mmCIF file of all heavy atoms, coordinates in Angstrom:
data_MODEL
# 
_entry.id   MODEL 
# 
loop_
_atom_site.group_PDB 
_atom_site.id 
_atom_site.type_symbol 
_atom_site.label_atom_id 
_atom_site.label_alt_id 
_atom_site.label_comp_id 
_atom_site.label_asym_id 
_atom_site.label_entity_id 
_atom_site.label_seq_id 
_atom_site.pdbx_PDB_ins_code 
_atom_site.Cartn_x 
_atom_site.Cartn_y 
_atom_site.Cartn_z 
_atom_site.occupancy 
_atom_site.B_iso_or_equiv 
_atom_site.pdbx_formal_charge 
_atom_site.auth_seq_id 
_atom_site.auth_comp_id 
_atom_site.auth_asym_id 
_atom_site.auth_atom_id 
_atom_site.pdbx_PDB_model_num 
ATOM 1   N N   . ASN A 1 1  ? -43.741 -203.424 21.976 1.00 0.00 ? 1  ASN A N   1 
ATOM 2   C CA  . ASN A 1 1  ? -44.281 -203.774 20.664 1.00 0.00 ? 1  ASN A CA  1 
ATOM 3   C C   . ASN A 1 1  ? -43.183 -204.103 19.647 1.00 0.00 ? 1  ASN A C   1 
ATOM 4   O O   . ASN A 1 1  ? -43.492 -204.308 18.480 1.00 0.00 ? 1  ASN A O   1 
ATOM 5   C CB  . ASN A 1 1  ? -45.212 -202.684 20.146 1.00 0.00 ? 1  ASN A CB  1 
ATOM 6   C CG  . ASN A 1 1  ? -44.520 -201.363 20.014 1.00 0.00 ? 1  ASN A CG  1 
ATOM 7   O OD1 . ASN A 1 1  ? -43.344 -201.211 20.379 1.00 0.00 ? 1  ASN A OD1 1 
ATOM 8   N ND2 . ASN A 1 1  ? -45.224 -200.364 19.489 1.00 0.00 ? 1  ASN A ND2 1 
ATOM 9   N N   . LEU A 1 2  ? -41.910 -204.078 20.028 1.00 0.00 ? 2  LEU A N   1 
ATOM 10  C CA  . LEU A 1 2  ? -40.824 -204.344 19.133 1.00 0.00 ? 2  LEU A CA  1 
ATOM 11  C C   . LEU A 1 2  ? -40.412 -205.787 19.181 1.00 0.00 ? 2  LEU A C   1 
ATOM 12  O O   . LEU A 1 2  ? -40.223 -206.363 20.273 1.00 0.00 ? 2  LEU A O   1 
ATOM 13  C CB  . LEU A 1 2  ? -39.614 -203.469 19.459 1.00 0.00 ? 2  LEU A CB  1 
ATOM 14  C CG  . LEU A 1 2  ? -38.347 -203.699 18.615 1.00 0.00 ? 2  LEU A CG  1 
ATOM 15  C CD1 . LEU A 1 2  ? -38.638 -203.196 17.186 1.00 0.00 ? 2  LEU A CD1 1 
ATOM 16  C CD2 . LEU A 1 2  ? -37.180 -202.931 19.189 1.00 0.00 ? 2  LEU A CD2 1 
ATOM 17  N N   . ASP A 1 3  ? -40.379 -206.477 18.044 1.00 0.00 ? 3  ASP A N   1 
ATOM 18  C CA  . ASP A 1 3  ? -39.951 -207.864 17.975 1.00 0.00 ? 3  ASP A CA  1 
ATOM 19  C C   . ASP A 1 3  ? -38.448 -207.886 18.039 1.00 0.00 ? 3  ASP A C   1 
ATOM 20  O O   . ASP A 1 3  ? -37.754 -207.696 17.001 1.00 0.00 ? 3  ASP A O   1 
ATOM 21  C CB  . ASP A 1 3  ? -40.484 -208.507 16.700 1.00 0.00 ? 3  ASP A CB  1 
ATOM 22  C CG  . ASP A 1 3  ? -40.101 -210.001 16.596 1.00 0.00 ? 3  ASP A CG  1 
ATOM 23  O OD1 . ASP A 1 3  ? -39.638 -210.528 17.638 1.00 0.00 ? 3  ASP A OD1 1 
ATOM 24  O OD2 . ASP A 1 3  ? -40.335 -210.628 15.545 1.00 0.00 ? 3  ASP A OD2 1 
ATOM 25  N N   . TYR A 1 4  ? -37.873 -208.116 19.231 1.00 0.00 ? 4  TYR A N   1 
ATOM 26  C CA  . TYR A 1 4  ? -36.439 -207.991 19.381 1.00 0.00 ? 4  TYR A CA  1 
ATOM 27  C C   . TYR A 1 4  ? -35.685 -209.184 18.862 1.00 0.00 ? 4  TYR A C   1 
ATOM 28  O O   . TYR A 1 4  ? -34.460 -209.130 18.665 1.00 0.00 ? 4  TYR A O   1 
ATOM 29  C CB  . TYR A 1 4  ? -36.115 -207.811 20.885 1.00 0.00 ? 4  TYR A CB  1 
ATOM 30  C CG  . TYR A 1 4  ? -36.553 -208.906 21.785 1.00 0.00 ? 4  TYR A CG  1 
ATOM 31  C CD1 . TYR A 1 4  ? -35.818 -210.076 21.933 1.00 0.00 ? 4  TYR A CD1 1 
ATOM 32  C CD2 . TYR A 1 4  ? -37.801 -208.794 22.507 1.00 0.00 ? 4  TYR A CD2 1 
ATOM 33  C CE1 . TYR A 1 4  ? -36.271 -211.110 22.744 1.00 0.00 ? 4  TYR A CE1 1 
ATOM 34  C CE2 . TYR A 1 4  ? -38.221 -209.847 23.280 1.00 0.00 ? 4  TYR A CE2 1 
ATOM 35  C CZ  . TYR A 1 4  ? -37.459 -210.977 23.406 1.00 0.00 ? 4  TYR A CZ  1 
ATOM 36  O OH  . TYR A 1 4  ? -37.900 -212.001 24.222 1.00 0.00 ? 4  TYR A OH  1 
ATOM 37  N N   . GLU A 1 5  ? -36.368 -210.349 18.659 1.00 0.00 ? 5  GLU A N   1 
ATOM 38  C CA  . GLU A 1 5  ? -35.646 -211.487 18.188 1.00 0.00 ? 5  GLU A CA  1 
ATOM 39  C C   . GLU A 1 5  ? -35.164 -211.337 16.748 1.00 0.00 ? 5  GLU A C   1 
ATOM 40  O O   . GLU A 1 5  ? -35.983 -211.247 15.822 1.00 0.00 ? 5  GLU A O   1 
ATOM 41  C CB  . GLU A 1 5  ? -36.604 -212.761 18.297 1.00 0.00 ? 5  GLU A CB  1 
ATOM 42  C CG  . GLU A 1 5  ? -36.961 -213.098 19.732 1.00 0.00 ? 5  GLU A CG  1 
ATOM 43  C CD  . GLU A 1 5  ? -37.815 -214.340 19.808 1.00 0.00 ? 5  GLU A CD  1 
ATOM 44  O OE1 . GLU A 1 5  ? -38.229 -214.834 18.707 1.00 0.00 ? 5  GLU A OE1 1 
ATOM 45  O OE2 . GLU A 1 5  ? -38.047 -214.824 20.933 1.00 0.00 ? 5  GLU A OE2 1 
ATOM 46  N N   . GLY A 1 6  ? -33.889 -211.258 16.582 1.00 0.00 ? 6  GLY A N   1 
ATOM 47  C CA  . GLY A 1 6  ? -33.272 -211.026 15.274 1.00 0.00 ? 6  GLY A CA  1 
ATOM 48  C C   . GLY A 1 6  ? -33.217 -209.608 14.846 1.00 0.00 ? 6  GLY A C   1 
ATOM 49  O O   . GLY A 1 6  ? -32.650 -209.307 13.793 1.00 0.00 ? 6  GLY A O   1 
ATOM 50  N N   . LYS A 1 7  ? -33.744 -208.697 15.677 1.00 0.00 ? 7  LYS A N   1 
ATOM 51  C CA  . LYS A 1 7  ? -33.791 -207.259 15.322 1.00 0.00 ? 7  LYS A CA  1 
ATOM 52  C C   . LYS A 1 7  ? -32.389 -206.695 15.173 1.00 0.00 ? 7  LYS A C   1 
ATOM 53  O O   . LYS A 1 7  ? -32.126 -205.872 14.277 1.00 0.00 ? 7  LYS A O   1 
ATOM 54  C CB  . LYS A 1 7  ? -34.589 -206.517 16.379 1.00 0.00 ? 7  LYS A CB  1 
ATOM 55  C CG  . LYS A 1 7  ? -34.558 -204.996 16.237 1.00 0.00 ? 7  LYS A CG  1 
ATOM 56  C CD  . LYS A 1 7  ? -35.262 -204.495 14.995 1.00 0.00 ? 7  LYS A CD  1 
ATOM 57  C CE  . LYS A 1 7  ? -35.300 -203.009 14.952 1.00 0.00 ? 7  LYS A CE  1 
ATOM 58  N NZ  . LYS A 1 7  ? -35.970 -202.490 13.699 1.00 0.00 ? 7  LYS A NZ  1 
ATOM 59  N N   . PHE A 1 8  ? -31.462 -207.108 16.021 1.00 0.00 ? 8  PHE A N   1 
ATOM 60  C CA  . PHE A 1 8  ? -30.121 -206.484 16.064 1.00 0.00 ? 8  PHE A CA  1 
ATOM 61  C C   . PHE A 1 8  ? -29.051 -207.418 15.478 1.00 0.00 ? 8  PHE A C   1 
ATOM 62  O O   . PHE A 1 8  ? -27.877 -207.117 15.635 1.00 0.00 ? 8  PHE A O   1 
ATOM 63  C CB  . PHE A 1 8  ? -29.757 -206.102 17.477 1.00 0.00 ? 8  PHE A CB  1 
ATOM 64  C CG  . PHE A 1 8  ? -30.788 -205.204 18.176 1.00 0.00 ? 8  PHE A CG  1 
ATOM 65  C CD1 . PHE A 1 8  ? -31.675 -205.710 19.101 1.00 0.00 ? 8  PHE A CD1 1 
ATOM 66  C CD2 . PHE A 1 8  ? -30.820 -203.868 17.867 1.00 0.00 ? 8  PHE A CD2 1 
ATOM 67  C CE1 . PHE A 1 8  ? -32.603 -204.923 19.722 1.00 0.00 ? 8  PHE A CE1 1 
ATOM 68  C CE2 . PHE A 1 8  ? -31.747 -203.036 18.465 1.00 0.00 ? 8  PHE A CE2 1 
ATOM 69  C CZ  . PHE A 1 8  ? -32.644 -203.542 19.409 1.00 0.00 ? 8  PHE A CZ  1 
ATOM 70  N N   . ASP A 1 9  ? -29.470 -208.479 14.824 1.00 0.00 ? 9  ASP A N   1 
ATOM 71  C CA  . ASP A 1 9  ? -28.498 -209.468 14.295 1.00 0.00 ? 9  ASP A CA  1 
ATOM 72  C C   . ASP A 1 9  ? -27.516 -208.840 13.255 1.00 0.00 ? 9  ASP A C   1 
ATOM 73  O O   . ASP A 1 9  ? -26.308 -209.152 13.283 1.00 0.00 ? 9  ASP A O   1 
ATOM 74  C CB  . ASP A 1 9  ? -29.211 -210.634 13.624 1.00 0.00 ? 9  ASP A CB  1 
ATOM 75  C CG  . ASP A 1 9  ? -29.795 -211.584 14.697 1.00 0.00 ? 9  ASP A CG  1 
ATOM 76  O OD1 . ASP A 1 9  ? -29.603 -211.316 15.852 1.00 0.00 ? 9  ASP A OD1 1 
ATOM 77  O OD2 . ASP A 1 9  ? -30.398 -212.604 14.281 1.00 0.00 ? 9  ASP A OD2 1 
ATOM 78  N N   . SER A 1 10 ? -27.997 -207.937 12.475 1.00 0.00 ? 10 SER A N   1 
ATOM 79  C CA  . SER A 1 10 ? -27.131 -207.357 11.496 1.00 0.00 ? 10 SER A CA  1 
ATOM 80  C C   . SER A 1 10 ? -26.050 -206.438 12.160 1.00 0.00 ? 10 SER A C   1 
ATOM 81  O O   . SER A 1 10 ? -24.885 -206.411 11.708 1.00 0.00 ? 10 SER A O   1 
ATOM 82  C CB  . SER A 1 10 ? -27.959 -206.461 10.506 1.00 0.00 ? 10 SER A CB  1 
ATOM 83  O OG  . SER A 1 10 ? -28.644 -205.416 11.210 1.00 0.00 ? 10 SER A OG  1 
ATOM 84  N N   . VAL A 1 11 ? -26.415 -205.784 13.256 1.00 0.00 ? 11 VAL A N   1 
ATOM 85  C CA  . VAL A 1 11 ? -25.434 -205.005 14.024 1.00 0.00 ? 11 VAL A CA  1 
ATOM 86  C C   . VAL A 1 11 ? -24.453 -205.934 14.710 1.00 0.00 ? 11 VAL A C   1 
ATOM 87  O O   . VAL A 1 11 ? -23.268 -205.667 14.687 1.00 0.00 ? 11 VAL A O   1 
ATOM 88  C CB  . VAL A 1 11 ? -26.179 -204.081 14.991 1.00 0.00 ? 11 VAL A CB  1 
ATOM 89  C CG1 . VAL A 1 11 ? -25.129 -203.282 15.801 1.00 0.00 ? 11 VAL A CG1 1 
ATOM 90  C CG2 . VAL A 1 11 ? -27.145 -203.153 14.313 1.00 0.00 ? 11 VAL A CG2 1 
ATOM 91  N N   . PHE A 1 12 ? -24.976 -207.003 15.310 1.00 0.00 ? 12 PHE A N   1 
ATOM 92  C CA  . PHE A 1 12 ? -24.144 -207.921 16.016 1.00 0.00 ? 12 PHE A CA  1 
ATOM 93  C C   . PHE A 1 12 ? -23.114 -208.561 15.093 1.00 0.00 ? 12 PHE A C   1 
ATOM 94  O O   . PHE A 1 12 ? -21.949 -208.749 15.456 1.00 0.00 ? 12 PHE A O   1 
ATOM 95  C CB  . PHE A 1 12 ? -24.987 -208.979 16.696 1.00 0.00 ? 12 PHE A CB  1 
ATOM 96  C CG  . PHE A 1 12 ? -25.821 -208.445 17.831 1.00 0.00 ? 12 PHE A CG  1 
ATOM 97  C CD1 . PHE A 1 12 ? -26.823 -209.229 18.420 1.00 0.00 ? 12 PHE A CD1 1 
ATOM 98  C CD2 . PHE A 1 12 ? -25.605 -207.181 18.393 1.00 0.00 ? 12 PHE A CD2 1 
ATOM 99  C CE1 . PHE A 1 12 ? -27.604 -208.740 19.489 1.00 0.00 ? 12 PHE A CE1 1 
ATOM 100 C CE2 . PHE A 1 12 ? -26.337 -206.686 19.440 1.00 0.00 ? 12 PHE A CE2 1 
ATOM 101 C CZ  . PHE A 1 12 ? -27.368 -207.480 19.991 1.00 0.00 ? 12 PHE A CZ  1 
ATOM 102 N N   . GLU A 1 13 ? -23.531 -208.960 13.906 1.00 0.00 ? 13 GLU A N   1 
ATOM 103 C CA  . GLU A 1 13 ? -22.625 -209.607 12.963 1.00 0.00 ? 13 GLU A CA  1 
ATOM 104 C C   . GLU A 1 13 ? -21.484 -208.706 12.545 1.00 0.00 ? 13 GLU A C   1 
ATOM 105 O O   . GLU A 1 13 ? -20.370 -209.175 12.223 1.00 0.00 ? 13 GLU A O   1 
ATOM 106 C CB  . GLU A 1 13 ? -23.384 -210.076 11.714 1.00 0.00 ? 13 GLU A CB  1 
ATOM 107 C CG  . GLU A 1 13 ? -24.344 -211.229 12.003 1.00 0.00 ? 13 GLU A CG  1 
ATOM 108 C CD  . GLU A 1 13 ? -25.255 -211.526 10.801 1.00 0.00 ? 13 GLU A CD  1 
ATOM 109 O OE1 . GLU A 1 13 ? -25.146 -210.815 9.775  1.00 0.00 ? 13 GLU A OE1 1 
ATOM 110 O OE2 . GLU A 1 13 ? -26.023 -212.514 10.884 1.00 0.00 ? 13 GLU A OE2 1 
ATOM 111 N N   . LYS A 1 14 ? -21.733 -207.419 12.627 1.00 0.00 ? 14 LYS A N   1 
ATOM 112 C CA  . LYS A 1 14 ? -20.755 -206.409 12.205 1.00 0.00 ? 14 LYS A CA  1 
ATOM 113 C C   . LYS A 1 14 ? -19.689 -206.163 13.336 1.00 0.00 ? 14 LYS A C   1 
ATOM 114 O O   . LYS A 1 14 ? -18.504 -205.995 13.064 1.00 0.00 ? 14 LYS A O   1 
ATOM 115 C CB  . LYS A 1 14 ? -21.454 -205.110 11.896 1.00 0.00 ? 14 LYS A CB  1 
ATOM 116 C CG  . LYS A 1 14 ? -20.511 -204.012 11.397 1.00 0.00 ? 14 LYS A CG  1 
ATOM 117 C CD  . LYS A 1 14 ? -21.360 -202.766 11.002 1.00 0.00 ? 14 LYS A CD  1 
ATOM 118 C CE  . LYS A 1 14 ? -20.456 -201.628 10.541 1.00 0.00 ? 14 LYS A CE  1 
ATOM 119 N NZ  . LYS A 1 14 ? -21.259 -200.366 10.228 1.00 0.00 ? 14 LYS A NZ  1 
ATOM 120 N N   . TYR A 1 15 ? -20.173 -206.247 14.587 1.00 0.00 ? 15 TYR A N   1 
ATOM 121 C CA  . TYR A 1 15 ? -19.250 -205.850 15.688 1.00 0.00 ? 15 TYR A CA  1 
ATOM 122 C C   . TYR A 1 15 ? -18.894 -206.984 16.629 1.00 0.00 ? 15 TYR A C   1 
ATOM 123 O O   . TYR A 1 15 ? -17.935 -206.851 17.396 1.00 0.00 ? 15 TYR A O   1 
ATOM 124 C CB  . TYR A 1 15 ? -19.946 -204.746 16.514 1.00 0.00 ? 15 TYR A CB  1 
ATOM 125 C CG  . TYR A 1 15 ? -20.072 -203.431 15.767 1.00 0.00 ? 15 TYR A CG  1 
ATOM 126 C CD1 . TYR A 1 15 ? -21.322 -203.160 15.152 1.00 0.00 ? 15 TYR A CD1 1 
ATOM 127 C CD2 . TYR A 1 15 ? -19.028 -202.521 15.718 1.00 0.00 ? 15 TYR A CD2 1 
ATOM 128 C CE1 . TYR A 1 15 ? -21.488 -201.923 14.506 1.00 0.00 ? 15 TYR A CE1 1 
ATOM 129 C CE2 . TYR A 1 15 ? -19.226 -201.314 15.017 1.00 0.00 ? 15 TYR A CE2 1 
ATOM 130 C CZ  . TYR A 1 15 ? -20.441 -201.062 14.419 1.00 0.00 ? 15 TYR A CZ  1 
ATOM 131 O OH  . TYR A 1 15 ? -20.573 -199.843 13.728 1.00 0.00 ? 15 TYR A OH  1 
ATOM 132 N N   . LEU A 1 16 ? -19.634 -208.103 16.619 1.00 0.00 ? 16 LEU A N   1 
ATOM 133 C CA  . LEU A 1 16 ? -19.422 -209.163 17.574 1.00 0.00 ? 16 LEU A CA  1 
ATOM 134 C C   . LEU A 1 16 ? -19.016 -210.444 16.928 1.00 0.00 ? 16 LEU A C   1 
ATOM 135 O O   . LEU A 1 16 ? -19.371 -210.740 15.832 1.00 0.00 ? 16 LEU A O   1 
ATOM 136 C CB  . LEU A 1 16 ? -20.723 -209.399 18.420 1.00 0.00 ? 16 LEU A CB  1 
ATOM 137 C CG  . LEU A 1 16 ? -21.349 -208.161 19.088 1.00 0.00 ? 16 LEU A CG  1 
ATOM 138 C CD1 . LEU A 1 16 ? -22.663 -208.585 19.777 1.00 0.00 ? 16 LEU A CD1 1 
ATOM 139 C CD2 . LEU A 1 16 ? -20.362 -207.599 20.108 1.00 0.00 ? 16 LEU A CD2 1 
ATOM 140 N N   . SER A 1 17 ? -18.188 -211.251 17.659 1.00 0.00 ? 17 SER A N   1 
ATOM 141 C CA  . SER A 1 17 ? -17.850 -212.573 17.152 1.00 0.00 ? 17 SER A CA  1 
ATOM 142 C C   . SER A 1 17 ? -18.848 -213.653 17.608 1.00 0.00 ? 17 SER A C   1 
ATOM 143 O O   . SER A 1 17 ? -18.991 -214.676 16.993 1.00 0.00 ? 17 SER A O   1 
ATOM 144 C CB  . SER A 1 17 ? -16.444 -212.971 17.651 1.00 0.00 ? 17 SER A CB  1 
ATOM 145 O OG  . SER A 1 17 ? -16.372 -212.938 19.075 1.00 0.00 ? 17 SER A OG  1 
ATOM 146 N N   . SER A 1 18 ? -19.562 -213.403 18.705 1.00 0.00 ? 18 SER A N   1 
ATOM 147 C CA  . SER A 1 18 ? -20.572 -214.307 19.198 1.00 0.00 ? 18 SER A CA  1 
ATOM 148 C C   . SER A 1 18 ? -21.503 -213.546 20.173 1.00 0.00 ? 18 SER A C   1 
ATOM 149 O O   . SER A 1 18 ? -21.078 -212.560 20.765 1.00 0.00 ? 18 SER A O   1 
ATOM 150 C CB  . SER A 1 18 ? -20.017 -215.551 19.842 1.00 0.00 ? 18 SER A CB  1 
ATOM 151 O OG  . SER A 1 18 ? -19.314 -215.224 21.054 1.00 0.00 ? 18 SER A OG  1 
ATOM 152 N N   . TRP A 1 19 ? -22.751 -214.049 20.321 1.00 0.00 ? 19 TRP A N   1 
ATOM 153 C CA  . TRP A 1 19 ? -23.658 -213.479 21.300 1.00 0.00 ? 19 TRP A CA  1 
ATOM 154 C C   . TRP A 1 19 ? -24.738 -214.494 21.631 1.00 0.00 ? 19 TRP A C   1 
ATOM 155 O O   . TRP A 1 19 ? -25.091 -215.325 20.849 1.00 0.00 ? 19 TRP A O   1 
ATOM 156 C CB  . TRP A 1 19 ? -24.275 -212.156 20.727 1.00 0.00 ? 19 TRP A CB  1 
ATOM 157 C CG  . TRP A 1 19 ? -25.131 -212.411 19.499 1.00 0.00 ? 19 TRP A CG  1 
ATOM 158 C CD1 . TRP A 1 19 ? -26.490 -212.625 19.467 1.00 0.00 ? 19 TRP A CD1 1 
ATOM 159 C CD2 . TRP A 1 19 ? -24.728 -212.375 18.165 1.00 0.00 ? 19 TRP A CD2 1 
ATOM 160 N NE1 . TRP A 1 19 ? -26.940 -212.761 18.184 1.00 0.00 ? 19 TRP A NE1 1 
ATOM 161 C CE2 . TRP A 1 19 ? -25.872 -212.617 17.310 1.00 0.00 ? 19 TRP A CE2 1 
ATOM 162 C CE3 . TRP A 1 19 ? -23.471 -212.200 17.515 1.00 0.00 ? 19 TRP A CE3 1 
ATOM 163 C CZ2 . TRP A 1 19 ? -25.787 -212.690 15.932 1.00 0.00 ? 19 TRP A CZ2 1 
ATOM 164 C CZ3 . TRP A 1 19 ? -23.417 -212.261 16.137 1.00 0.00 ? 19 TRP A CZ3 1 
ATOM 165 C CH2 . TRP A 1 19 ? -24.530 -212.513 15.389 1.00 0.00 ? 19 TRP A CH2 1 
ATOM 166 N N   . THR A 1 20 ? -25.197 -214.369 22.881 1.00 0.00 ? 20 THR A N   1 
ATOM 167 C CA  . THR A 1 20 ? -26.336 -215.168 23.362 1.00 0.00 ? 20 THR A CA  1 
ATOM 168 C C   . THR A 1 20 ? -27.246 -214.364 24.217 1.00 0.00 ? 20 THR A C   1 
ATOM 169 O O   . THR A 1 20 ? -26.792 -213.399 24.876 1.00 0.00 ? 20 THR A O   1 
ATOM 170 C CB  . THR A 1 20 ? -25.801 -216.399 24.206 1.00 0.00 ? 20 THR A CB  1 
ATOM 171 O OG1 . THR A 1 20 ? -25.052 -215.862 25.331 1.00 0.00 ? 20 THR A OG1 1 
ATOM 172 C CG2 . THR A 1 20 ? -24.929 -217.321 23.400 1.00 0.00 ? 20 THR A CG2 1 
ATOM 173 N N   . ILE A 1 21 ? -28.526 -214.654 24.205 1.00 0.00 ? 21 ILE A N   1 
ATOM 174 C CA  . ILE A 1 21 ? -29.481 -214.000 25.092 1.00 0.00 ? 21 ILE A CA  1 
ATOM 175 C C   . ILE A 1 21 ? -29.484 -214.683 26.430 1.00 0.00 ? 21 ILE A C   1 
ATOM 176 O O   . ILE A 1 21 ? -29.815 -215.880 26.550 1.00 0.00 ? 21 ILE A O   1 
ATOM 177 C CB  . ILE A 1 21 ? -30.915 -214.014 24.500 1.00 0.00 ? 21 ILE A CB  1 
ATOM 178 C CG1 . ILE A 1 21 ? -30.939 -213.220 23.187 1.00 0.00 ? 21 ILE A CG1 1 
ATOM 179 C CG2 . ILE A 1 21 ? -31.902 -213.403 25.464 1.00 0.00 ? 21 ILE A CG2 1 
ATOM 180 C CD1 . ILE A 1 21 ? -32.282 -213.193 22.502 1.00 0.00 ? 21 ILE A CD1 1 
ATOM 181 N N   . ASP A 1 22 ? -29.063 -214.000 27.505 1.00 0.00 ? 22 ASP A N   1 
ATOM 182 C CA  . ASP A 1 22 ? -28.948 -214.576 28.805 1.00 0.00 ? 22 ASP A CA  1 
ATOM 183 C C   . ASP A 1 22 ? -30.223 -214.316 29.644 1.00 0.00 ? 22 ASP A C   1 
ATOM 184 O O   . ASP A 1 22 ? -30.573 -215.105 30.520 1.00 0.00 ? 22 ASP A O   1 
ATOM 185 C CB  . ASP A 1 22 ? -27.725 -213.979 29.575 1.00 0.00 ? 22 ASP A CB  1 
ATOM 186 C CG  . ASP A 1 22 ? -26.439 -214.454 28.946 1.00 0.00 ? 22 ASP A CG  1 
ATOM 187 O OD1 . ASP A 1 22 ? -26.428 -215.472 28.223 1.00 0.00 ? 22 ASP A OD1 1 
ATOM 188 O OD2 . ASP A 1 22 ? -25.411 -213.799 29.181 1.00 0.00 ? 22 ASP A OD2 1 
ATOM 189 N N   . GLU A 1 23 ? -30.878 -213.214 29.404 1.00 0.00 ? 23 GLU A N   1 
ATOM 190 C CA  . GLU A 1 23 ? -32.036 -212.850 30.229 1.00 0.00 ? 23 GLU A CA  1 
ATOM 191 C C   . GLU A 1 23 ? -32.971 -211.873 29.508 1.00 0.00 ? 23 GLU A C   1 
ATOM 192 O O   . GLU A 1 23 ? -32.477 -210.982 28.766 1.00 0.00 ? 23 GLU A O   1 
ATOM 193 C CB  . GLU A 1 23 ? -31.601 -212.244 31.576 1.00 0.00 ? 23 GLU A CB  1 
ATOM 194 C CG  . GLU A 1 23 ? -32.743 -211.886 32.520 1.00 0.00 ? 23 GLU A CG  1 
ATOM 195 C CD  . GLU A 1 23 ? -32.260 -211.245 33.786 1.00 0.00 ? 23 GLU A CD  1 
ATOM 196 O OE1 . GLU A 1 23 ? -31.394 -210.336 33.662 1.00 0.00 ? 23 GLU A OE1 1 
ATOM 197 O OE2 . GLU A 1 23 ? -32.759 -211.552 34.862 1.00 0.00 ? 23 GLU A OE2 1 
ATOM 198 N N   . VAL A 1 24 ? -34.268 -212.070 29.642 1.00 0.00 ? 24 VAL A N   1 
ATOM 199 C CA  . VAL A 1 24 ? -35.245 -211.114 29.169 1.00 0.00 ? 24 VAL A CA  1 
ATOM 200 C C   . VAL A 1 24 ? -36.234 -210.835 30.296 1.00 0.00 ? 24 VAL A C   1 
ATOM 201 O O   . VAL A 1 24 ? -36.787 -211.755 30.886 1.00 0.00 ? 24 VAL A O   1 
ATOM 202 C CB  . VAL A 1 24 ? -35.994 -211.668 27.911 1.00 0.00 ? 24 VAL A CB  1 
ATOM 203 C CG1 . VAL A 1 24 ? -37.064 -210.682 27.456 1.00 0.00 ? 24 VAL A CG1 1 
ATOM 204 C CG2 . VAL A 1 24 ? -35.033 -211.986 26.794 1.00 0.00 ? 24 VAL A CG2 1 
ATOM 205 N N   . LYS A 1 25 ? -36.444 -209.581 30.549 1.00 0.00 ? 25 LYS A N   1 
ATOM 206 C CA  . LYS A 1 25 ? -37.431 -209.229 31.622 1.00 0.00 ? 25 LYS A CA  1 
ATOM 207 C C   . LYS A 1 25 ? -38.142 -207.948 31.235 1.00 0.00 ? 25 LYS A C   1 
ATOM 208 O O   . LYS A 1 25 ? -37.639 -207.101 30.462 1.00 0.00 ? 25 LYS A O   1 
ATOM 209 C CB  . LYS A 1 25 ? -36.746 -209.089 32.952 1.00 0.00 ? 25 LYS A CB  1 
ATOM 210 C CG  . LYS A 1 25 ? -35.821 -207.871 33.099 1.00 0.00 ? 25 LYS A CG  1 
ATOM 211 C CD  . LYS A 1 25 ? -35.215 -207.788 34.515 1.00 0.00 ? 25 LYS A CD  1 
ATOM 212 C CE  . LYS A 1 25 ? -34.336 -206.583 34.689 1.00 0.00 ? 25 LYS A CE  1 
ATOM 213 N NZ  . LYS A 1 25 ? -33.778 -206.497 36.055 1.00 0.00 ? 25 LYS A NZ  1 
ATOM 214 N N   . THR A 1 26 ? -39.347 -207.791 31.799 1.00 0.00 ? 26 THR A N   1 
ATOM 215 C CA  . THR A 1 26 ? -40.148 -206.595 31.560 1.00 0.00 ? 26 THR A CA  1 
ATOM 216 C C   . THR A 1 26 ? -39.746 -205.511 32.596 1.00 0.00 ? 26 THR A C   1 
ATOM 217 O O   . THR A 1 26 ? -39.339 -205.817 33.707 1.00 0.00 ? 26 THR A O   1 
ATOM 218 C CB  . THR A 1 26 ? -41.630 -206.876 31.628 1.00 0.00 ? 26 THR A CB  1 
ATOM 219 O OG1 . THR A 1 26 ? -41.936 -207.367 32.898 1.00 0.00 ? 26 THR A OG1 1 
ATOM 220 C CG2 . THR A 1 26 ? -42.052 -207.899 30.576 1.00 0.00 ? 26 THR A CG2 1 
# 
């Protein structure tokens, strides 16, 4: 029930120079 799209962007911007979603599975 968590909308993961954009959920962690603020954390990623702080620690990462780039990121991409490679896979999503249940």
